[in-house]
Amino acid sequence: MVSSEEKGFISIDPDQNPLKEVHNLLLGGVSPRPIALVSTISEDGNDNLAPFSFFNAFGANPPYVAFSPAYSGKDGSAKDTLLNLEKVPECVVHAVPFDLLDQVLLSSTAYKPEQSEFIKAGLETLDSEVVKPKRVKNSPFHMECQVEQIIPLGGTNGSGNLVLCRVVRFHVAEAVMQEGRINPELLDLIGRNGFNYYTRASGTALFEVDKPTGQGLGIDQLPAHIRDSEILSGNDLGKLGQLETMPDEQGVKEFIGNLKTSGVELKYHNLFLHGLDSVNSNPIQARKDMEIAAKVALSANDPEFAIHALLFLADL
């Protein structure tokens, strides 16, 4: 490792550091990664199954996915998945839910080519409709794929091979569908992090965020006293920057006036009004309370209140 000129960072040249260290950096920094459980078949008809966390989807028209089986870091040998795909360029890519974790880990074991990971891991098979490799019945989401390209990414020990696959058939378990969409809670997928860490994509790990529908003003258009706030985070400013218009002075006065008589008992409303009442007696604490109220409002997805409250502070 080499210390960076920029304080607080470490610069690392992948060409000057051990393979294991570079590999660990990718696993730890590019995470969580979705996991592909990939089934292939050999020329002799032997079934193979293996998980890959260097995996993602690319485009929908037509739909493509890609994953990367790597050469062994020790001796540079190719594993069964890659060898099979070079002879029979078809596969099925499956999602991995939490309740399959240990069986999927078992399938990653280096069994002999003639030994089926389906059998070793106790996973049931289904025939595919378009391609030769079998499907994993236990997975709730399958993609039958035809391999269009295998791109070597170095050709030496630890190097990856980018397998670019065109999806020719989807299969989705009815149990994970809700109102015509895949429900992530019901899918309950796992993701791969660095070392022995995994992520479970359900429960409190899930949250919803509305995407901006128009062109936001941008953080640069916010007044300086808002941009320079010691209370608001960069995320807070980002939410405010998504607003498409800024209320004028009259609009701010009317909003705050209505707030005083609305009788709404929201926590951040009360905190703001408490600050407003103590402006003359304790102006520093009052301003802090009102900024905190705006921050709480943003966490509650109420940017309208937040921007009016913060703009009101400009006249204090």
C-alpha atoms as a PDB file:
ATOM      1  CA  MET A   1       0.000   0.000   0.000  1.00  0.00           C
ATOM      2  CA  VAL A   2       1.078   3.576  -0.713  1.00  0.00           C
ATOM      3  CA  SER A   3      -0.144   6.559   1.270  1.00  0.00           C
ATOM      4  CA  SER A   4      -2.157   8.979  -0.816  1.00  0.00           C
ATOM      5  CA  GLU A   5      -1.326  12.659  -1.076  1.00  0.00           C
ATOM      6  CA  GLU A   6      -4.956  13.278  -0.197  1.00  0.00           C
ATOM      7  CA  LYS A   7      -5.321  13.090   3.575  1.00  0.00           C
ATOM      8  CA  GLY A   8      -7.448  10.242   4.850  1.00  0.00           C
ATOM      9  CA  PHE A   9      -7.035   7.910   1.855  1.00  0.00           C
ATOM     10  CA  ILE A  10      -4.737   5.034   0.950  1.00  0.00           C
ATOM     11  CA  SER A  11      -3.782   4.570  -2.699  1.00  0.00           C
ATOM     12  CA  ILE A  12      -3.245   1.027  -3.955  1.00  0.00           C
ATOM     13  CA  ASP A  13      -1.732   0.050  -7.298  1.00  0.00           C
ATOM     14  CA  PRO A  14      -3.238  -3.338  -8.277  1.00  0.00           C
ATOM     15  CA  ASP A  15      -0.163  -4.114 -10.391  1.00  0.00           C
ATOM     16  CA  GLN A  16       2.133  -3.673  -7.379  1.00  0.00           C
ATOM     17  CA  ASN A  17       0.175  -5.591  -4.759  1.00  0.00           C
ATOM     18  CA  PRO A  18      -0.552  -9.279  -4.102  1.00  0.00           C
ATOM     19  CA  LEU A  19      -3.488 -10.890  -5.899  1.00  0.00           C
ATOM     20  CA  LYS A  20      -5.176 -11.814  -2.600  1.00  0.00           C
ATOM     21  CA  GLU A  21      -5.091  -8.196  -1.408  1.00  0.00           C
ATOM     22  CA  VAL A  22      -6.575  -6.890  -4.678  1.00  0.00           C
ATOM     23  CA  HIS A  23      -9.241  -9.597  -4.584  1.00  0.00           C
ATOM     24  CA  ASN A  24     -10.190  -8.672  -1.014  1.00  0.00           C
ATOM     25  CA  LEU A  25     -10.441  -4.995  -1.953  1.00  0.00           C
ATOM     26  CA  LEU A  26     -12.934  -5.802  -4.720  1.00  0.00           C
ATOM     27  CA  LEU A  27     -14.970  -8.109  -2.485  1.00  0.00           C
ATOM     28  CA  GLY A  28     -15.096  -5.563   0.322  1.00  0.00           C
ATOM     29  CA  GLY A  29     -15.594  -2.373  -1.682  1.00  0.00           C
ATOM     30  CA  VAL A  30     -17.945  -3.609  -4.414  1.00  0.00           C
ATOM     31  CA  SER A  31     -20.676  -4.947  -2.159  1.00  0.00           C
ATOM     32  CA  PRO A  32     -23.199  -6.259  -1.586  1.00  0.00           C
ATOM     33  CA  ARG A  33     -23.194  -8.127  -4.869  1.00  0.00           C
ATOM     34  CA  PRO A  34     -26.071 -10.289  -6.112  1.00  0.00           C
ATOM     35  CA  ILE A  35     -25.300 -13.997  -6.326  1.00  0.00           C
ATOM     36  CA  ALA A  36     -25.892 -16.050  -9.455  1.00  0.00           C
ATOM     37  CA  LEU A  37     -26.353 -19.784  -9.015  1.00  0.00           C
ATOM     38  CA  VAL A  38     -25.403 -21.037 -12.476  1.00  0.00           C
ATOM     39  CA  SER A  39     -26.200 -24.441 -13.921  1.00  0.00           C
ATOM     40  CA  THR A  40     -24.302 -25.782 -16.925  1.00  0.00           C
ATOM     41  CA  ILE A  41     -23.902 -29.141 -18.654  1.00  0.00           C
ATOM     42  CA  SER A  42     -20.823 -30.835 -20.071  1.00  0.00           C
ATOM     43  CA  GLU A  43     -20.465 -32.425 -23.520  1.00  0.00           C
ATOM     44  CA  ASP A  44     -20.910 -35.783 -21.781  1.00  0.00           C
ATOM     45  CA  GLY A  45     -24.166 -34.674 -20.157  1.00  0.00           C
ATOM     46  CA  ASN A  46     -22.827 -34.109 -16.636  1.00  0.00           C
ATOM     47  CA  ASP A  47     -24.763 -31.487 -14.674  1.00  0.00           C
ATOM     48  CA  ASN A  48     -22.844 -28.745 -12.915  1.00  0.00           C
ATOM     49  CA  LEU A  49     -23.919 -26.048 -10.499  1.00  0.00           C
ATOM     50  CA  ALA A  50     -21.848 -23.203  -9.008  1.00  0.00           C
ATOM     51  CA  PRO A  51     -22.429 -19.783  -7.390  1.00  0.00           C
ATOM     52  CA  PHE A  52     -20.852 -16.532  -8.617  1.00  0.00           C
ATOM     53  CA  SER A  53     -20.983 -13.140  -6.935  1.00  0.00           C
ATOM     54  CA  PHE A  54     -19.271 -11.273  -9.758  1.00  0.00           C
ATOM     55  CA  PHE A  55     -22.637 -11.013 -11.476  1.00  0.00           C
ATOM     56  CA  ASN A  56     -25.263  -8.522 -12.654  1.00  0.00           C
ATOM     57  CA  ALA A  57     -27.841  -7.652 -15.339  1.00  0.00           C
ATOM     58  CA  PHE A  58     -27.244  -5.361 -18.307  1.00  0.00           C
ATOM     59  CA  GLY A  59     -30.124  -4.020 -20.380  1.00  0.00           C
ATOM     60  CA  ALA A  60     -33.629  -5.286 -20.982  1.00  0.00           C
ATOM     61  CA  ASN A  61     -34.137  -5.043 -24.742  1.00  0.00           C
ATOM     62  CA  PRO A  62     -32.829  -7.648 -25.213  1.00  0.00           C
ATOM     63  CA  PRO A  63     -32.201  -8.823 -21.639  1.00  0.00           C
ATOM     64  CA  TYR A  64     -28.597  -9.689 -20.796  1.00  0.00           C
ATOM     65  CA  VAL A  65     -26.828 -10.908 -17.686  1.00  0.00           C
ATOM     66  CA  ALA A  66     -23.144 -11.497 -17.123  1.00  0.00           C
ATOM     67  CA  PHE A  67     -21.050 -13.306 -14.548  1.00  0.00           C
ATOM     68  CA  SER A  68     -17.368 -14.050 -14.173  1.00  0.00           C
ATOM     69  CA  PRO A  69     -15.878 -17.486 -13.488  1.00  0.00           C
ATOM     70  CA  ALA A  70     -12.244 -16.923 -12.556  1.00  0.00           C
ATOM     71  CA  TYR A  71      -9.175 -19.058 -13.096  1.00  0.00           C
ATOM     72  CA  SER A  72      -7.701 -20.570  -9.953  1.00  0.00           C
ATOM     73  CA  GLY A  73      -5.482 -18.132  -8.095  1.00  0.00           C
ATOM     74  CA  LYS A  74      -3.093 -20.965  -7.236  1.00  0.00           C
ATOM     75  CA  ASP A  75      -2.490 -22.776 -10.509  1.00  0.00           C
ATOM     76  CA  GLY A  76      -4.489 -20.858 -13.141  1.00  0.00           C
ATOM     77  CA  SER A  77      -6.752 -23.793 -13.937  1.00  0.00           C
ATOM     78  CA  ALA A  78     -10.288 -23.319 -15.252  1.00  0.00           C
ATOM     79  CA  LYS A  79     -13.257 -24.572 -13.247  1.00  0.00           C
ATOM     80  CA  ASP A  80     -16.063 -26.782 -14.553  1.00  0.00           C
ATOM     81  CA  THR A  81     -18.517 -23.948 -15.296  1.00  0.00           C
ATOM     82  CA  LEU A  82     -16.140 -22.250 -17.733  1.00  0.00           C
ATOM     83  CA  LEU A  83     -15.043 -25.517 -19.333  1.00  0.00           C
ATOM     84  CA  ASN A  84     -18.668 -26.541 -19.854  1.00  0.00           C
ATOM     85  CA  LEU A  85     -19.678 -23.194 -21.350  1.00  0.00           C
ATOM     86  CA  GLU A  86     -16.832 -23.343 -23.863  1.00  0.00           C
ATOM     87  CA  LYS A  87     -18.322 -26.605 -25.191  1.00  0.00           C
ATOM     88  CA  VAL A  88     -22.061 -26.099 -24.529  1.00  0.00           C
ATOM     89  CA  PRO A  89     -22.691 -22.327 -24.503  1.00  0.00           C
ATOM     90  CA  GLU A  90     -25.915 -22.412 -22.496  1.00  0.00           C
ATOM     91  CA  CYS A  91     -26.738 -21.975 -18.818  1.00  0.00           C
ATOM     92  CA  VAL A  92     -29.463 -21.184 -16.333  1.00  0.00           C
ATOM     93  CA  VAL A  93     -28.874 -18.326 -13.882  1.00  0.00           C
ATOM     94  CA  HIS A  94     -30.818 -18.565 -10.619  1.00  0.00           C
ATOM     95  CA  ALA A  95     -31.436 -16.114  -7.785  1.00  0.00           C
ATOM     96  CA  VAL A  96     -30.314 -17.216  -4.322  1.00  0.00           C
ATOM     97  CA  PRO A  97     -32.784 -16.702  -1.445  1.00  0.00           C
ATOM     98  CA  PHE A  98     -31.756 -16.869   2.201  1.00  0.00           C
ATOM     99  CA  ASP A  99     -33.209 -20.322   2.773  1.00  0.00           C
ATOM    100  CA  LEU A 100     -30.837 -21.800   0.141  1.00  0.00           C
ATOM    101  CA  LEU A 101     -27.662 -20.263   1.539  1.00  0.00           C
ATOM    102  CA  ASP A 102     -26.008 -23.355   2.989  1.00  0.00           C
ATOM    103  CA  GLN A 103     -26.964 -25.572   0.072  1.00  0.00           C
ATOM    104  CA  VAL A 104     -25.514 -22.994  -2.322  1.00  0.00           C
ATOM    105  CA  LEU A 105     -22.325 -22.821  -0.266  1.00  0.00           C
ATOM    106  CA  LEU A 106     -22.090 -26.604  -0.539  1.00  0.00           C
ATOM    107  CA  SER A 107     -22.458 -26.385  -4.316  1.00  0.00           C
ATOM    108  CA  SER A 108     -19.338 -24.170  -4.429  1.00  0.00           C
ATOM    109  CA  THR A 109     -17.207 -27.127  -3.314  1.00  0.00           C
ATOM    110  CA  ALA A 110     -14.715 -28.401  -5.908  1.00  0.00           C
ATOM    111  CA  TYR A 111     -16.384 -31.697  -6.765  1.00  0.00           C
ATOM    112  CA  LYS A 112     -15.170 -33.816  -9.652  1.00  0.00           C
ATOM    113  CA  PRO A 113     -16.712 -33.021 -13.075  1.00  0.00           C
ATOM    114  CA  GLU A 114     -18.764 -36.217 -13.083  1.00  0.00           C
ATOM    115  CA  GLN A 115     -20.280 -35.436  -9.661  1.00  0.00           C
ATOM    116  CA  SER A 116     -23.500 -33.406  -9.779  1.00  0.00           C
ATOM    117  CA  GLU A 117     -23.745 -30.471  -7.376  1.00  0.00           C
ATOM    118  CA  PHE A 118     -27.529 -30.798  -7.645  1.00  0.00           C
ATOM    119  CA  ILE A 119     -27.234 -34.156  -5.885  1.00  0.00           C
ATOM    120  CA  LYS A 120     -24.456 -33.143  -3.488  1.00  0.00           C
ATOM    121  CA  ALA A 121     -26.365 -30.025  -2.356  1.00  0.00           C
ATOM    122  CA  GLY A 122     -29.750 -31.741  -2.294  1.00  0.00           C
ATOM    123  CA  LEU A 123     -31.333 -29.422  -4.853  1.00  0.00           C
ATOM    124  CA  GLU A 124     -34.244 -30.567  -7.004  1.00  0.00           C
ATOM    125  CA  THR A 125     -34.077 -30.181 -10.768  1.00  0.00           C
ATOM    126  CA  LEU A 126     -36.520 -28.978 -13.401  1.00  0.00           C
ATOM    127  CA  ASP A 127     -36.101 -29.341 -17.162  1.00  0.00           C
ATOM    128  CA  SER A 128     -35.499 -26.097 -19.017  1.00  0.00           C
ATOM    129  CA  GLU A 129     -37.694 -25.043 -21.946  1.00  0.00           C
ATOM    130  CA  VAL A 130     -35.064 -23.634 -24.307  1.00  0.00           C
ATOM    131  CA  VAL A 131     -31.580 -24.620 -23.106  1.00  0.00           C
ATOM    132  CA  LYS A 132     -30.001 -27.951 -22.109  1.00  0.00           C
ATOM    133  CA  PRO A 133     -28.853 -27.263 -18.500  1.00  0.00           C
ATOM    134  CA  LYS A 134     -31.375 -28.055 -15.794  1.00  0.00           C
ATOM    135  CA  ARG A 135     -33.054 -25.558 -13.493  1.00  0.00           C
ATOM    136  CA  VAL A 136     -33.008 -25.442  -9.689  1.00  0.00           C
ATOM    137  CA  LYS A 137     -36.577 -25.975  -8.532  1.00  0.00           C
ATOM    138  CA  ASN A 138     -35.776 -24.574  -5.075  1.00  0.00           C
ATOM    139  CA  SER A 139     -34.874 -21.112  -6.448  1.00  0.00           C
ATOM    140  CA  PRO A 140     -37.786 -18.695  -7.019  1.00  0.00           C
ATOM    141  CA  PHE A 141     -36.256 -16.966 -10.063  1.00  0.00           C
ATOM    142  CA  HIS A 142     -34.608 -18.583 -13.103  1.00  0.00           C
ATOM    143  CA  MET A 143     -33.173 -17.199 -16.331  1.00  0.00           C
ATOM    144  CA  GLU A 144     -32.480 -19.588 -19.182  1.00  0.00           C
ATOM    145  CA  CYS A 145     -29.560 -18.126 -21.122  1.00  0.00           C
ATOM    146  CA  GLN A 146     -27.642 -18.551 -24.340  1.00  0.00           C
ATOM    147  CA  VAL A 147     -23.999 -17.539 -24.018  1.00  0.00           C
ATOM    148  CA  GLU A 148     -23.024 -15.041 -26.692  1.00  0.00           C
ATOM    149  CA  GLN A 149     -19.479 -14.191 -25.611  1.00  0.00           C
ATOM    150  CA  ILE A 150     -16.813 -15.362 -23.209  1.00  0.00           C
ATOM    151  CA  ILE A 151     -14.284 -12.561 -22.810  1.00  0.00           C
ATOM    152  CA  PRO A 152     -10.963 -13.450 -21.110  1.00  0.00           C
ATOM    153  CA  LEU A 153      -9.926 -10.769 -18.615  1.00  0.00           C
ATOM    154  CA  GLY A 154      -6.221 -11.419 -18.252  1.00  0.00           C
ATOM    155  CA  GLY A 155      -5.745 -15.095 -18.955  1.00  0.00           C
ATOM    156  CA  THR A 156      -3.626 -15.882 -15.910  1.00  0.00           C
ATOM    157  CA  ASN A 157      -3.904 -16.944 -12.255  1.00  0.00           C
ATOM    158  CA  GLY A 158      -6.923 -15.294 -10.617  1.00  0.00           C
ATOM    159  CA  SER A 159      -8.102 -13.677 -13.851  1.00  0.00           C
ATOM    160  CA  GLY A 160     -11.800 -13.494 -14.571  1.00  0.00           C
ATOM    161  CA  ASN A 161     -13.711 -14.423 -17.707  1.00  0.00           C
ATOM    162  CA  LEU A 162     -16.746 -12.307 -18.540  1.00  0.00           C
ATOM    163  CA  VAL A 163     -19.573 -14.581 -19.646  1.00  0.00           C
ATOM    164  CA  LEU A 164     -22.150 -12.499 -21.509  1.00  0.00           C
ATOM    165  CA  CYS A 165     -25.529 -14.220 -21.636  1.00  0.00           C
ATOM    166  CA  ARG A 166     -28.730 -13.400 -23.467  1.00  0.00           C
ATOM    167  CA  VAL A 167     -31.807 -14.341 -21.454  1.00  0.00           C
ATOM    168  CA  VAL A 168     -34.207 -16.392 -23.567  1.00  0.00           C
ATOM    169  CA  ARG A 169     -36.699 -17.424 -20.885  1.00  0.00           C
ATOM    170  CA  PHE A 170     -37.659 -16.213 -17.405  1.00  0.00           C
ATOM    171  CA  HIS A 171     -39.318 -18.362 -14.750  1.00  0.00           C
ATOM    172  CA  VAL A 172     -40.710 -16.717 -11.609  1.00  0.00           C
ATOM    173  CA  ALA A 173     -42.320 -18.532  -8.689  1.00  0.00           C
ATOM    174  CA  GLU A 174     -45.908 -17.406  -8.192  1.00  0.00           C
ATOM    175  CA  ALA A 175     -45.247 -17.271  -4.444  1.00  0.00           C
ATOM    176  CA  VAL A 176     -42.957 -14.231  -4.782  1.00  0.00           C
ATOM    177  CA  MET A 177     -45.254 -12.241  -7.068  1.00  0.00           C
ATOM    178  CA  GLN A 178     -47.581  -9.582  -5.683  1.00  0.00           C
ATOM    179  CA  GLU A 179     -49.721  -7.253  -7.783  1.00  0.00           C
ATOM    180  CA  GLY A 180     -47.752  -8.155 -10.899  1.00  0.00           C
ATOM    181  CA  ARG A 181     -44.346  -7.436  -9.363  1.00  0.00           C
ATOM    182  CA  ILE A 182     -41.667  -9.408  -7.586  1.00  0.00           C
ATOM    183  CA  ASN A 183     -41.937  -8.599  -3.877  1.00  0.00           C
ATOM    184  CA  PRO A 184     -38.403  -8.338  -2.422  1.00  0.00           C
ATOM    185  CA  GLU A 185     -39.633  -9.407   1.013  1.00  0.00           C
ATOM    186  CA  LEU A 186     -40.995 -12.633  -0.447  1.00  0.00           C
ATOM    187  CA  LEU A 187     -37.926 -13.163  -2.650  1.00  0.00           C
ATOM    188  CA  ASP A 188     -35.634 -12.715   0.393  1.00  0.00           C
ATOM    189  CA  LEU A 189     -32.370 -12.728  -1.567  1.00  0.00           C
ATOM    190  CA  ILE A 190     -28.849 -12.726  -0.166  1.00  0.00           C
ATOM    191  CA  GLY A 191     -25.902 -10.659  -1.378  1.00  0.00           C
ATOM    192  CA  ARG A 192     -22.161 -11.201  -1.042  1.00  0.00           C
ATOM    193  CA  ASN A 193     -19.892  -8.821   0.843  1.00  0.00           C
ATOM    194  CA  GLY A 194     -16.203  -9.063   1.664  1.00  0.00           C
ATOM    195  CA  PHE A 195     -14.606 -11.925   3.626  1.00  0.00           C
ATOM    196  CA  ASN A 196     -17.348 -14.043   5.281  1.00  0.00           C
ATOM    197  CA  TYR A 197     -20.022 -11.338   5.270  1.00  0.00           C
ATOM    198  CA  TYR A 198     -23.361 -11.584   3.506  1.00  0.00           C
ATOM    199  CA  THR A 199     -26.362  -9.273   3.212  1.00  0.00           C
ATOM    200  CA  ARG A 200     -29.995 -10.324   3.498  1.00  0.00           C
ATOM    201  CA  ALA A 201     -32.215  -8.178   1.256  1.00  0.00           C
ATOM    202  CA  SER A 202     -35.398  -8.209   3.307  1.00  0.00           C
ATOM    203  CA  GLY A 203     -36.834  -6.872   6.560  1.00  0.00           C
ATOM    204  CA  THR A 204     -35.214  -3.738   7.941  1.00  0.00           C
ATOM    205  CA  ALA A 205     -32.545  -3.880   5.211  1.00  0.00           C
ATOM    206  CA  LEU A 206     -35.165  -2.742   2.674  1.00  0.00           C
ATOM    207  CA  PHE A 207     -36.257   0.858   2.258  1.00  0.00           C
ATOM    208  CA  GLU A 208     -38.093   2.813  -0.416  1.00  0.00           C
ATOM    209  CA  VAL A 209     -36.957   6.017  -2.102  1.00  0.00           C
ATOM    210  CA  ASP A 210     -38.973   7.946  -4.684  1.00  0.00           C
ATOM    211  CA  LYS A 211     -36.896   8.787  -7.741  1.00  0.00           C
ATOM    212  CA  PRO A 212     -36.845  12.440  -8.865  1.00  0.00           C
ATOM    213  CA  THR A 213     -39.519  12.928 -11.524  1.00  0.00           C
ATOM    214  CA  GLY A 214     -38.213  16.189 -12.974  1.00  0.00           C
ATOM    215  CA  GLN A 215     -35.093  18.311 -12.997  1.00  0.00           C
ATOM    216  CA  GLY A 216     -34.178  19.407  -9.490  1.00  0.00           C
ATOM    217  CA  LEU A 217     -32.767  22.830  -8.705  1.00  0.00           C
ATOM    218  CA  GLY A 218     -29.541  21.299  -7.439  1.00  0.00           C
ATOM    219  CA  ILE A 219     -27.670  21.879  -4.194  1.00  0.00           C
ATOM    220  CA  ASP A 220     -25.804  24.801  -5.764  1.00  0.00           C
ATOM    221  CA  GLN A 221     -29.075  26.776  -5.997  1.00  0.00           C
ATOM    222  CA  LEU A 222     -29.850  26.475  -2.290  1.00  0.00           C
ATOM    223  CA  PRO A 223     -29.187  29.626  -0.202  1.00  0.00           C
ATOM    224  CA  ALA A 224     -25.767  29.745   1.440  1.00  0.00           C
ATOM    225  CA  HIS A 225     -27.124  29.461   4.994  1.00  0.00           C
ATOM    226  CA  ILE A 226     -28.690  26.115   4.020  1.00  0.00           C
ATOM    227  CA  ARG A 227     -25.650  24.798   2.133  1.00  0.00           C
ATOM    228  CA  ASP A 228     -23.345  25.739   5.020  1.00  0.00           C
ATOM    229  CA  SER A 229     -25.545  24.258   7.753  1.00  0.00           C
ATOM    230  CA  GLU A 230     -23.707  22.210  10.374  1.00  0.00           C
ATOM    231  CA  ILE A 231     -26.908  20.279  11.087  1.00  0.00           C
ATOM    232  CA  LEU A 232     -27.855  19.111   7.590  1.00  0.00           C
ATOM    233  CA  SER A 233     -25.971  16.255   5.931  1.00  0.00           C
ATOM    234  CA  GLY A 234     -25.069  15.909   2.266  1.00  0.00           C
ATOM    235  CA  ASN A 235     -28.029  13.541   1.915  1.00  0.00           C
ATOM    236  CA  ASP A 236     -30.315  16.190   3.405  1.00  0.00           C
ATOM    237  CA  LEU A 237     -29.055  18.764   0.936  1.00  0.00           C
ATOM    238  CA  GLY A 238     -29.532  16.231  -1.858  1.00  0.00           C
ATOM    239  CA  LYS A 239     -33.220  15.871  -0.975  1.00  0.00           C
ATOM    240  CA  LEU A 240     -33.646  19.638  -0.969  1.00  0.00           C
ATOM    241  CA  GLY A 241     -31.763  19.904  -4.258  1.00  0.00           C
ATOM    242  CA  GLN A 242     -34.351  17.617  -5.871  1.00  0.00           C
ATOM    243  CA  LEU A 243     -37.022  20.295  -5.445  1.00  0.00           C
ATOM    244  CA  GLU A 244     -37.953  21.842  -8.777  1.00  0.00           C
ATOM    245  CA  THR A 245     -39.014  25.243  -7.429  1.00  0.00           C
ATOM    246  CA  MET A 246     -38.175  27.397  -4.433  1.00  0.00           C
ATOM    247  CA  PRO A 247     -40.993  29.063  -2.462  1.00  0.00           C
ATOM    248  CA  ASP A 248     -40.904  32.877  -2.485  1.00  0.00           C
ATOM    249  CA  GLU A 249     -40.767  35.066   0.613  1.00  0.00           C
ATOM    250  CA  GLN A 250     -44.536  35.512   0.765  1.00  0.00           C
ATOM    251  CA  GLY A 251     -45.079  31.782   0.405  1.00  0.00           C
ATOM    252  CA  VAL A 252     -42.718  31.096   3.297  1.00  0.00           C
ATOM    253  CA  LYS A 253     -44.495  33.578   5.564  1.00  0.00           C
ATOM    254  CA  GLU A 254     -47.892  32.104   4.750  1.00  0.00           C
ATOM    255  CA  PHE A 255     -46.658  28.540   5.317  1.00  0.00           C
ATOM    256  CA  ILE A 256     -45.200  29.369   8.739  1.00  0.00           C
ATOM    257  CA  GLY A 257     -48.299  31.379   9.648  1.00  0.00           C
ATOM    258  CA  ASN A 258     -50.545  28.449   8.808  1.00  0.00           C
ATOM    259  CA  LEU A 259     -48.245  26.169  10.765  1.00  0.00           C
ATOM    260  CA  LYS A 260     -48.904  28.127  13.937  1.00  0.00           C
ATOM    261  CA  THR A 261     -52.668  27.605  13.668  1.00  0.00           C
ATOM    262  CA  SER A 262     -52.828  24.163  12.064  1.00  0.00           C
ATOM    263  CA  GLY A 263     -52.906  22.208  15.320  1.00  0.00           C
ATOM    264  CA  VAL A 264     -50.820  19.417  13.732  1.00  0.00           C
ATOM    265  CA  GLU A 265     -48.979  17.409  16.381  1.00  0.00           C
ATOM    266  CA  LEU A 266     -45.993  16.180  14.366  1.00  0.00           C
ATOM    267  CA  LYS A 267     -42.725  16.022  16.287  1.00  0.00           C
ATOM    268  CA  TYR A 268     -40.827  18.261  13.898  1.00  0.00           C
ATOM    269  CA  HIS A 269     -43.676  20.787  13.735  1.00  0.00           C
ATOM    270  CA  ASN A 270     -43.610  21.101  17.526  1.00  0.00           C
ATOM    271  CA  LEU A 271     -39.815  21.357  17.626  1.00  0.00           C
ATOM    272  CA  PHE A 272     -39.873  24.128  15.024  1.00  0.00           C
ATOM    273  CA  LEU A 273     -42.600  26.061  16.872  1.00  0.00           C
ATOM    274  CA  HIS A 274     -40.718  25.676  20.146  1.00  0.00           C
ATOM    275  CA  GLY A 275     -37.662  27.201  18.469  1.00  0.00           C
ATOM    276  CA  LEU A 276     -39.793  29.986  17.040  1.00  0.00           C
ATOM    277  CA  ASP A 277     -41.153  30.823  20.496  1.00  0.00           C
ATOM    278  CA  SER A 278     -37.643  31.051  21.994  1.00  0.00           C
ATOM    279  CA  VAL A 279     -35.984  33.121  19.258  1.00  0.00           C
ATOM    280  CA  ASN A 280     -35.772  36.247  21.406  1.00  0.00           C
ATOM    281  CA  SER A 281     -34.681  34.551  24.637  1.00  0.00           C
ATOM    282  CA  ASN A 282     -32.178  32.049  23.208  1.00  0.00           C
ATOM    283  CA  PRO A 283     -31.581  32.727  19.502  1.00  0.00           C
ATOM    284  CA  ILE A 284     -28.667  30.290  19.010  1.00  0.00           C
ATOM    285  CA  GLN A 285     -30.506  27.298  20.475  1.00  0.00           C
ATOM    286  CA  ALA A 286     -33.725  28.349  18.755  1.00  0.00           C
ATOM    287  CA  ARG A 287     -32.059  28.350  15.345  1.00  0.00           C
ATOM    288  CA  LYS A 288     -30.497  24.965  16.055  1.00  0.00           C
ATOM    289  CA  ASP A 289     -33.876  23.508  17.060  1.00  0.00           C
ATOM    290  CA  MET A 290     -35.483  24.811  13.890  1.00  0.00           C
ATOM    291  CA  GLU A 291     -32.760  23.330  11.687  1.00  0.00           C
ATOM    292  CA  ILE A 292     -33.082  20.007  13.487  1.00  0.00           C
ATOM    293  CA  ALA A 293     -36.831  20.164  12.860  1.00  0.00           C
ATOM    294  CA  ALA A 294     -36.119  20.548   9.136  1.00  0.00           C
ATOM    295  CA  LYS A 295     -33.701  17.607   9.239  1.00  0.00           C
ATOM    296  CA  VAL A 296     -36.289  15.394  10.966  1.00  0.00           C
ATOM    297  CA  ALA A 297     -38.844  16.458   8.359  1.00  0.00           C
ATOM    298  CA  LEU A 298     -36.501  15.366   5.571  1.00  0.00           C
ATOM    299  CA  SER A 299     -36.061  11.965   7.208  1.00  0.00           C
ATOM    300  CA  ALA A 300     -39.873  11.745   7.223  1.00  0.00           C
ATOM    301  CA  ASN A 301     -39.961  12.597   3.484  1.00  0.00           C
ATOM    302  CA  ASP A 302     -41.463  16.032   4.026  1.00  0.00           C
ATOM    303  CA  PRO A 303     -39.158  18.314   2.008  1.00  0.00           C
ATOM    304  CA  GLU A 304     -41.927  20.936   1.654  1.00  0.00           C
ATOM    305  CA  PHE A 305     -41.894  21.614   5.378  1.00  0.00           C
ATOM    306  CA  ALA A 306     -38.095  21.478   5.476  1.00  0.00           C
ATOM    307  CA  ILE A 307     -37.498  24.058   2.749  1.00  0.00           C
ATOM    308  CA  HIS A 308     -40.060  26.493   4.164  1.00  0.00           C
ATOM    309  CA  ALA A 309     -38.620  26.136   7.663  1.00  0.00           C
ATOM    310  CA  LEU A 310     -35.038  26.630   6.456  1.00  0.00           C
ATOM    311  CA  LEU A 311     -35.867  29.613   4.247  1.00  0.00           C
ATOM    312  CA  PHE A 312     -37.649  31.212   7.203  1.00  0.00           C
ATOM    313  CA  LEU A 313     -34.350  31.125   9.106  1.00  0.00           C
ATOM    314  CA  ALA A 314     -32.804  33.564   6.627  1.00  0.00           C
ATOM    315  CA  ASP A 315     -34.723  36.436   8.221  1.00  0.00           C
ATOM    316  CA  LEU A 316     -33.813  35.578  11.832  1.00  0.00           C
END
